[in-house]
């Protein structure tokens, strides 16, 4: 797997992701490329001509990946909370260590 391209985001704002995100930030939130988001991700919403992605839609889409009868993927509320806190801790540690 190739390393993701550098994303021009203000990392001081992480992990406080906004509710609505433009394409670059939405792709970064999911950890996928912009083309993957456009081609396979959830539908965007529009404010005028501006396409934005709702963080909740992104979470639901990611939670549903791999879901089928033999491989149940969705997490219950407690599991989602624990996983979210784990991700937030990793982001905080990365930010504390500075850029690589």
N, C-alpha and C. Protein backbone atom coordinates (compact mmCIF):
# COMPACT_ATOMS: atom_id res chain seq x y z
N UNK A 1 0.85 -1.18 0.00
CA UNK A 1 0.00 0.00 0.00
C UNK A 1 0.89 1.23 0.00
N UNK A 2 0.62 2.15 -0.89
CA UNK A 2 1.41 3.37 -0.96
C UNK A 2 1.05 4.32 0.16
N UNK A 3 2.04 5.08 0.61
CA UNK A 3 1.78 6.08 1.65
C UNK A 3 0.88 7.17 1.07
N UNK A 4 -0.07 7.68 1.86
CA UNK A 4 -0.94 8.74 1.36
C UNK A 4 -0.15 10.01 1.12
N UNK A 5 -0.58 10.77 0.14
CA UNK A 5 0.07 12.05 -0.16
C UNK A 5 -0.16 13.01 1.00
N UNK A 6 0.77 13.92 1.17
CA UNK A 6 0.63 14.92 2.23
C UNK A 6 -0.64 15.73 1.98
N UNK A 7 -1.38 15.94 3.02
CA UNK A 7 -2.64 16.68 2.92
C UNK A 7 -2.47 18.02 3.59
N UNK A 8 -2.73 19.10 2.86
CA UNK A 8 -2.51 20.44 3.41
C UNK A 8 -3.59 20.85 4.40
N UNK A 9 -3.50 20.31 5.61
CA UNK A 9 -4.45 20.64 6.66
C UNK A 9 -3.73 21.25 7.83
N UNK A 10 -4.40 22.10 8.54
CA UNK A 10 -3.86 22.67 9.76
C UNK A 10 -4.00 21.63 10.85
N UNK A 11 -2.93 20.92 11.15
CA UNK A 11 -3.00 19.82 12.10
C UNK A 11 -3.28 20.28 13.54
N UNK A 12 -3.12 21.56 13.82
CA UNK A 12 -3.42 22.03 15.18
C UNK A 12 -4.91 21.91 15.47
N UNK A 13 -5.73 21.79 14.45
CA UNK A 13 -7.17 21.68 14.63
C UNK A 13 -7.61 20.24 14.90
N UNK A 14 -6.75 19.27 14.68
CA UNK A 14 -7.12 17.88 14.90
C UNK A 14 -7.11 17.56 16.39
N UNK A 15 -7.93 16.69 16.91
CA UNK A 15 -8.91 15.86 16.24
C UNK A 15 -10.31 16.46 16.20
N UNK A 16 -10.46 17.73 16.34
CA UNK A 16 -11.77 18.37 16.32
C UNK A 16 -12.23 18.61 14.89
N UNK A 17 -12.67 17.54 14.24
CA UNK A 17 -13.10 17.61 12.85
C UNK A 17 -14.41 18.38 12.76
N UNK A 18 -14.57 19.22 11.75
CA UNK A 18 -15.85 19.93 11.59
C UNK A 18 -16.95 18.97 11.17
N UNK A 19 -18.17 19.36 11.37
CA UNK A 19 -19.31 18.51 10.99
C UNK A 19 -19.39 18.36 9.48
N UNK A 20 -19.22 19.46 8.73
CA UNK A 20 -19.24 19.43 7.27
C UNK A 20 -17.83 19.67 6.75
N UNK A 21 -17.40 18.83 5.81
CA UNK A 21 -16.02 18.90 5.31
C UNK A 21 -16.00 18.96 3.80
N UNK A 22 -15.07 19.74 3.27
CA UNK A 22 -14.82 19.75 1.83
C UNK A 22 -14.11 18.44 1.47
N UNK A 23 -13.93 18.21 0.20
CA UNK A 23 -13.44 16.93 -0.29
C UNK A 23 -12.09 16.49 0.31
N UNK A 24 -11.12 17.39 0.34
CA UNK A 24 -9.79 17.02 0.83
C UNK A 24 -9.84 16.60 2.29
N UNK A 25 -10.58 17.34 3.10
CA UNK A 25 -10.66 17.02 4.51
C UNK A 25 -11.47 15.75 4.75
N UNK A 26 -12.55 15.56 3.99
CA UNK A 26 -13.38 14.36 4.14
C UNK A 26 -12.56 13.11 3.80
N UNK A 27 -11.78 13.19 2.74
CA UNK A 27 -10.93 12.06 2.36
C UNK A 27 -9.88 11.80 3.45
N UNK A 28 -9.29 12.86 3.98
CA UNK A 28 -8.30 12.71 5.05
C UNK A 28 -8.95 12.10 6.29
N UNK A 29 -10.16 12.51 6.60
CA UNK A 29 -10.88 11.98 7.76
C UNK A 29 -11.03 10.47 7.65
N UNK A 30 -11.33 9.99 6.44
CA UNK A 30 -11.49 8.56 6.23
C UNK A 30 -10.16 7.85 5.98
N UNK A 31 -9.13 8.62 5.66
CA UNK A 31 -7.84 8.02 5.36
C UNK A 31 -7.79 7.41 3.96
N UNK A 32 -8.56 7.98 3.04
CA UNK A 32 -8.58 7.49 1.66
C UNK A 32 -8.31 8.65 0.72
N UNK A 33 -8.09 8.35 -0.55
CA UNK A 33 -7.83 9.40 -1.54
C UNK A 33 -9.13 10.11 -1.90
N UNK A 34 -8.97 11.29 -2.48
CA UNK A 34 -10.15 12.05 -2.93
C UNK A 34 -10.90 11.28 -4.02
N UNK A 35 -10.17 10.63 -4.92
CA UNK A 35 -10.85 9.88 -5.99
C UNK A 35 -11.61 8.68 -5.41
N UNK A 36 -11.06 8.03 -4.38
CA UNK A 36 -11.76 6.93 -3.73
C UNK A 36 -13.04 7.46 -3.07
N UNK A 37 -12.95 8.61 -2.43
CA UNK A 37 -14.12 9.22 -1.81
C UNK A 37 -15.19 9.50 -2.87
N UNK A 38 -14.78 10.14 -3.97
CA UNK A 38 -15.74 10.47 -5.04
C UNK A 38 -16.36 9.23 -5.66
N UNK A 39 -15.54 8.20 -5.92
CA UNK A 39 -16.01 7.04 -6.65
C UNK A 39 -16.74 6.01 -5.79
N UNK A 40 -16.36 5.89 -4.50
CA UNK A 40 -16.91 4.82 -3.68
C UNK A 40 -17.49 5.27 -2.35
N UNK A 41 -17.26 6.50 -1.96
CA UNK A 41 -17.71 6.98 -0.66
C UNK A 41 -19.17 7.39 -0.66
N UNK A 42 -19.61 7.91 0.48
CA UNK A 42 -21.00 8.37 0.57
C UNK A 42 -21.23 9.60 -0.29
N UNK A 43 -22.46 9.87 -0.59
CA UNK A 43 -22.80 11.02 -1.42
C UNK A 43 -22.52 12.32 -0.67
N UNK A 44 -22.10 13.30 -1.42
CA UNK A 44 -21.88 14.62 -0.83
C UNK A 44 -23.21 15.37 -0.74
N UNK A 45 -23.20 16.41 0.05
CA UNK A 45 -24.33 17.34 0.13
C UNK A 45 -23.86 18.62 -0.54
N UNK A 46 -24.76 19.48 -0.90
CA UNK A 46 -24.36 20.72 -1.57
C UNK A 46 -24.93 21.93 -0.86
N UNK A 47 -24.08 22.90 -0.69
CA UNK A 47 -24.47 24.21 -0.20
C UNK A 47 -24.16 25.14 -1.37
N UNK A 48 -25.18 25.52 -2.07
CA UNK A 48 -24.95 26.23 -3.32
C UNK A 48 -24.25 25.27 -4.28
N UNK A 49 -23.11 25.69 -4.80
CA UNK A 49 -22.33 24.83 -5.70
C UNK A 49 -21.20 24.11 -4.96
N UNK A 50 -21.10 24.30 -3.67
CA UNK A 50 -20.02 23.72 -2.87
C UNK A 50 -20.43 22.33 -2.36
N UNK A 51 -19.65 21.31 -2.73
CA UNK A 51 -19.89 19.95 -2.24
C UNK A 51 -19.24 19.78 -0.88
N UNK A 52 -19.99 19.26 0.07
CA UNK A 52 -19.48 18.98 1.41
C UNK A 52 -19.94 17.59 1.83
N UNK A 53 -19.19 16.99 2.75
CA UNK A 53 -19.54 15.69 3.30
C UNK A 53 -19.81 15.86 4.78
N UNK A 54 -20.89 15.24 5.23
CA UNK A 54 -21.27 15.27 6.63
C UNK A 54 -20.47 14.21 7.38
N UNK A 55 -19.84 14.57 8.48
CA UNK A 55 -19.03 13.65 9.26
C UNK A 55 -19.84 12.41 9.66
N UNK A 56 -21.11 12.59 9.97
CA UNK A 56 -21.93 11.45 10.37
C UNK A 56 -22.13 10.47 9.21
N UNK A 57 -22.32 11.00 7.99
CA UNK A 57 -22.43 10.14 6.81
C UNK A 57 -21.12 9.38 6.58
N UNK A 58 -20.00 10.07 6.77
CA UNK A 58 -18.70 9.42 6.60
C UNK A 58 -18.53 8.29 7.61
N UNK A 59 -18.93 8.52 8.86
CA UNK A 59 -18.82 7.49 9.89
C UNK A 59 -19.72 6.30 9.57
N UNK A 60 -20.96 6.56 9.16
CA UNK A 60 -21.88 5.47 8.83
C UNK A 60 -21.35 4.66 7.65
N UNK A 61 -20.81 5.35 6.64
CA UNK A 61 -20.26 4.66 5.48
C UNK A 61 -19.09 3.76 5.90
N UNK A 62 -18.19 4.30 6.71
CA UNK A 62 -17.03 3.51 7.16
C UNK A 62 -17.48 2.35 8.04
N UNK A 63 -18.47 2.56 8.90
CA UNK A 63 -18.96 1.49 9.77
C UNK A 63 -19.55 0.33 8.95
N UNK A 64 -20.14 0.64 7.80
CA UNK A 64 -20.80 -0.38 6.99
C UNK A 64 -19.83 -1.16 6.11
N UNK A 65 -18.60 -0.74 5.98
CA UNK A 65 -17.64 -1.45 5.13
C UNK A 65 -17.45 -2.88 5.62
N UNK A 66 -17.50 -3.82 4.71
CA UNK A 66 -17.27 -5.21 5.06
C UNK A 66 -18.44 -5.90 5.73
N UNK A 67 -19.57 -5.23 5.81
CA UNK A 67 -20.72 -5.81 6.49
C UNK A 67 -21.41 -6.84 5.58
N UNK A 68 -21.52 -8.04 6.07
CA UNK A 68 -22.33 -9.07 5.43
C UNK A 68 -22.70 -10.11 6.50
N UNK A 69 -23.40 -11.16 6.12
CA UNK A 69 -23.87 -12.14 7.12
C UNK A 69 -22.72 -12.85 7.82
N UNK A 70 -21.63 -13.13 7.12
CA UNK A 70 -20.54 -13.90 7.71
C UNK A 70 -19.50 -13.03 8.40
N UNK A 71 -19.50 -11.74 8.15
CA UNK A 71 -18.50 -10.84 8.74
C UNK A 71 -19.17 -9.59 9.27
N UNK A 72 -19.87 -9.67 10.42
CA UNK A 72 -20.53 -8.47 10.93
C UNK A 72 -19.51 -7.42 11.34
N UNK A 73 -19.62 -6.25 10.79
CA UNK A 73 -18.64 -5.18 11.01
C UNK A 73 -19.11 -4.11 11.99
N UNK A 74 -20.35 -3.66 11.94
CA UNK A 74 -20.72 -2.52 12.77
C UNK A 74 -20.47 -2.76 14.25
N UNK A 75 -20.01 -1.72 14.91
CA UNK A 75 -19.72 -1.78 16.34
C UNK A 75 -20.92 -1.25 17.12
N UNK A 76 -21.08 -1.75 18.34
CA UNK A 76 -22.14 -1.18 19.18
C UNK A 76 -21.66 0.16 19.73
N UNK A 77 -22.52 0.85 20.44
CA UNK A 77 -22.21 2.20 20.91
C UNK A 77 -20.96 2.23 21.77
N UNK A 78 -20.83 1.31 22.72
CA UNK A 78 -19.66 1.28 23.61
C UNK A 78 -18.38 1.02 22.83
N UNK A 79 -18.43 0.12 21.85
CA UNK A 79 -17.25 -0.16 21.03
C UNK A 79 -16.86 1.06 20.20
N UNK A 80 -17.85 1.74 19.62
CA UNK A 80 -17.57 2.95 18.84
C UNK A 80 -16.92 4.03 19.71
N UNK A 81 -17.44 4.20 20.92
CA UNK A 81 -16.88 5.20 21.83
C UNK A 81 -15.43 4.86 22.19
N UNK A 82 -15.16 3.59 22.50
CA UNK A 82 -13.80 3.17 22.85
C UNK A 82 -12.86 3.34 21.67
N UNK A 83 -13.33 2.96 20.48
CA UNK A 83 -12.49 3.10 19.28
C UNK A 83 -12.24 4.57 18.97
N UNK A 84 -13.25 5.38 19.12
CA UNK A 84 -13.10 6.81 18.87
C UNK A 84 -12.08 7.42 19.81
N UNK A 85 -12.14 7.05 21.08
CA UNK A 85 -11.18 7.57 22.06
C UNK A 85 -9.77 7.08 21.74
N UNK A 86 -9.65 5.84 21.28
CA UNK A 86 -8.35 5.29 20.90
C UNK A 86 -7.75 6.07 19.72
N UNK A 87 -8.57 6.37 18.73
CA UNK A 87 -8.11 7.14 17.57
C UNK A 87 -7.71 8.54 18.02
N UNK A 88 -8.52 9.15 18.86
CA UNK A 88 -8.21 10.50 19.34
C UNK A 88 -6.90 10.50 20.12
N UNK A 89 -6.65 9.48 20.91
CA UNK A 89 -5.39 9.38 21.65
C UNK A 89 -4.20 9.27 20.70
N UNK A 90 -4.35 8.45 19.64
CA UNK A 90 -3.25 8.31 18.68
C UNK A 90 -2.97 9.63 17.97
N UNK A 91 -4.03 10.36 17.62
CA UNK A 91 -3.84 11.65 16.95
C UNK A 91 -3.15 12.63 17.90
N UNK A 92 -3.57 12.65 19.16
CA UNK A 92 -2.94 13.56 20.14
C UNK A 92 -1.45 13.24 20.30
N UNK A 93 -1.12 11.94 20.35
CA UNK A 93 0.30 11.55 20.47
C UNK A 93 1.10 12.00 19.24
N UNK A 94 0.52 11.80 18.06
CA UNK A 94 1.19 12.23 16.83
C UNK A 94 1.43 13.73 16.83
N UNK A 95 0.41 14.47 17.21
CA UNK A 95 0.54 15.93 17.23
C UNK A 95 1.57 16.37 18.24
N UNK A 96 1.64 15.70 19.38
CA UNK A 96 2.61 16.04 20.41
C UNK A 96 4.04 15.78 19.95
N UNK A 97 4.21 14.75 19.10
CA UNK A 97 5.54 14.41 18.59
C UNK A 97 5.96 15.27 17.41
N UNK A 98 5.06 16.06 16.87
CA UNK A 98 5.39 16.93 15.75
C UNK A 98 5.42 16.18 14.43
N UNK A 99 5.72 16.91 13.34
CA UNK A 99 5.75 16.28 12.02
C UNK A 99 6.88 15.26 11.92
N UNK A 100 6.63 14.24 11.10
CA UNK A 100 7.65 13.19 10.92
C UNK A 100 8.79 13.66 10.09
